[in-house]
Amino acid sequence: MQSEHTQNYSVDGKTVEIDIYRTEDSGWILEIVDENNNSTLWEDEFEKDNDALVEALDALKEEGIDNFIEPAK
């Protein structure tokens, strides 16, 4: 199930997707996917999808969007 908080995040012409989803047997899963389809997946699950969104936005602001973009494979 996809969260309503899944969204694109852009800075300086660079964009990543904040992907928040869950299965029937899991908490909310957070993944940031870059334009080359590389992803950063959080190991811990979240009780609320909004908590995952806050974590993603904090990480992007603190670490910078470039830390979540990798070269094409």
C-alpha atoms as a PDB file:
ATOM      1  CA  MET A   1       0.000   0.000   0.000  1.00  0.00           C
ATOM      2  CA  GLN A   2       1.420   3.355  -1.071  1.00  0.00           C
ATOM      3  CA  SER A   3       1.336   6.277   1.355  1.00  0.00           C
ATOM      4  CA  GLU A   4      -0.293   9.555   0.417  1.00  0.00           C
ATOM      5  CA  HIS A   5       3.002  11.114   1.582  1.00  0.00           C
ATOM      6  CA  THR A   6       4.971   9.613  -1.334  1.00  0.00           C
ATOM      7  CA  GLN A   7       6.275  12.586  -3.314  1.00  0.00           C
ATOM      8  CA  ASN A   8       9.051  14.071  -5.392  1.00  0.00           C
ATOM      9  CA  TYR A   9      11.615  16.326  -3.723  1.00  0.00           C
ATOM     10  CA  SER A  10      13.669  18.754  -5.822  1.00  0.00           C
ATOM     11  CA  VAL A  11      16.625  21.033  -5.096  1.00  0.00           C
ATOM     12  CA  ASP A  12      18.750  22.909  -7.651  1.00  0.00           C
ATOM     13  CA  GLY A  13      17.264  21.009 -10.600  1.00  0.00           C
ATOM     14  CA  LYS A  14      17.862  17.592  -9.000  1.00  0.00           C
ATOM     15  CA  THR A  15      14.938  15.376  -8.037  1.00  0.00           C
ATOM     16  CA  VAL A  16      14.473  12.257  -5.938  1.00  0.00           C
ATOM     17  CA  GLU A  17      11.306  10.384  -5.067  1.00  0.00           C
ATOM     18  CA  ILE A  18      10.420   9.886  -1.415  1.00  0.00           C
ATOM     19  CA  ASP A  19       8.687   6.510  -1.575  1.00  0.00           C
ATOM     20  CA  ILE A  20       6.727   5.427   1.509  1.00  0.00           C
ATOM     21  CA  TYR A  21       4.844   2.141   1.435  1.00  0.00           C
ATOM     22  CA  ARG A  22       3.855  -0.880   3.493  1.00  0.00           C
ATOM     23  CA  THR A  23       2.736  -4.469   3.112  1.00  0.00           C
ATOM     24  CA  GLU A  24       0.103  -6.193   5.229  1.00  0.00           C
ATOM     25  CA  ASP A  25       2.824  -7.574   7.501  1.00  0.00           C
ATOM     26  CA  SER A  26       5.042  -4.518   7.891  1.00  0.00           C
ATOM     27  CA  GLY A  27       5.273  -1.021   9.239  1.00  0.00           C
ATOM     28  CA  TRP A  28       5.877   1.881   6.874  1.00  0.00           C
ATOM     29  CA  ILE A  29       8.977   1.489   4.715  1.00  0.00           C
ATOM     30  CA  LEU A  30      10.997   4.500   3.554  1.00  0.00           C
ATOM     31  CA  GLU A  31      12.988   4.534   0.333  1.00  0.00           C
ATOM     32  CA  ILE A  32      14.514   7.454  -1.547  1.00  0.00           C
ATOM     33  CA  VAL A  33      14.891   6.771  -5.276  1.00  0.00           C
ATOM     34  CA  ASP A  34      17.031   8.948  -7.555  1.00  0.00           C
ATOM     35  CA  GLU A  35      16.585   9.734 -11.259  1.00  0.00           C
ATOM     36  CA  ASN A  36      18.850   6.790 -12.187  1.00  0.00           C
ATOM     37  CA  ASN A  37      16.598   4.386 -10.246  1.00  0.00           C
ATOM     38  CA  ASN A  38      19.188   3.909  -7.475  1.00  0.00           C
ATOM     39  CA  SER A  39      17.634   3.723  -4.041  1.00  0.00           C
ATOM     40  CA  THR A  40      18.457   4.321  -0.407  1.00  0.00           C
ATOM     41  CA  LEU A  41      16.346   2.078   1.814  1.00  0.00           C
ATOM     42  CA  TRP A  42      15.961   2.648   5.550  1.00  0.00           C
ATOM     43  CA  GLU A  43      16.481  -0.522   7.589  1.00  0.00           C
ATOM     44  CA  ASP A  44      13.995   0.472  10.280  1.00  0.00           C
ATOM     45  CA  GLU A  45      10.274   0.582   9.635  1.00  0.00           C
ATOM     46  CA  PHE A  46       8.041   3.402  10.860  1.00  0.00           C
ATOM     47  CA  GLU A  47       4.819   3.142  12.846  1.00  0.00           C
ATOM     48  CA  LYS A  48       3.267   6.096  10.987  1.00  0.00           C
ATOM     49  CA  ASP A  49       3.794   7.126   7.372  1.00  0.00           C
ATOM     50  CA  ASN A  50       4.136  10.759   8.431  1.00  0.00           C
ATOM     51  CA  ASP A  51       7.105   9.788  10.627  1.00  0.00           C
ATOM     52  CA  ALA A  52       8.789   8.312   7.541  1.00  0.00           C
ATOM     53  CA  LEU A  53       8.184  11.529   5.599  1.00  0.00           C
ATOM     54  CA  VAL A  54       9.656  13.666   8.393  1.00  0.00           C
ATOM     55  CA  GLU A  55      12.726  11.387   8.507  1.00  0.00           C
ATOM     56  CA  ALA A  56      13.193  11.644   4.728  1.00  0.00           C
ATOM     57  CA  LEU A  57      12.885  15.427   4.653  1.00  0.00           C
ATOM     58  CA  ASP A  58      15.244  15.813   7.611  1.00  0.00           C
ATOM     59  CA  ALA A  59      17.825  13.522   5.972  1.00  0.00           C
ATOM     60  CA  LEU A  60      17.609  15.348   2.646  1.00  0.00           C
ATOM     61  CA  LYS A  61      18.013  18.748   4.311  1.00  0.00           C
ATOM     62  CA  GLU A  62      20.826  17.669   6.653  1.00  0.00           C
ATOM     63  CA  GLU A  63      22.825  15.492   4.244  1.00  0.00           C
ATOM     64  CA  GLY A  64      21.926  17.221   0.976  1.00  0.00           C
ATOM     65  CA  ILE A  65      20.209  15.774  -2.058  1.00  0.00           C
ATOM     66  CA  ASP A  66      23.559  14.872  -3.687  1.00  0.00           C
ATOM     67  CA  ASN A  67      24.125  12.202  -1.025  1.00  0.00           C
ATOM     68  CA  PHE A  68      21.059  10.392  -2.364  1.00  0.00           C
ATOM     69  CA  ILE A  69      21.951  10.550  -6.072  1.00  0.00           C
ATOM     70  CA  GLU A  70      24.293   7.959  -7.567  1.00  0.00           C
ATOM     71  CA  PRO A  71      25.653   7.630 -11.109  1.00  0.00           C
ATOM     72  CA  ALA A  72      23.710   5.573 -13.633  1.00  0.00           C
ATOM     73  CA  LYS A  73      24.694   1.913 -13.630  1.00  0.00           C
END
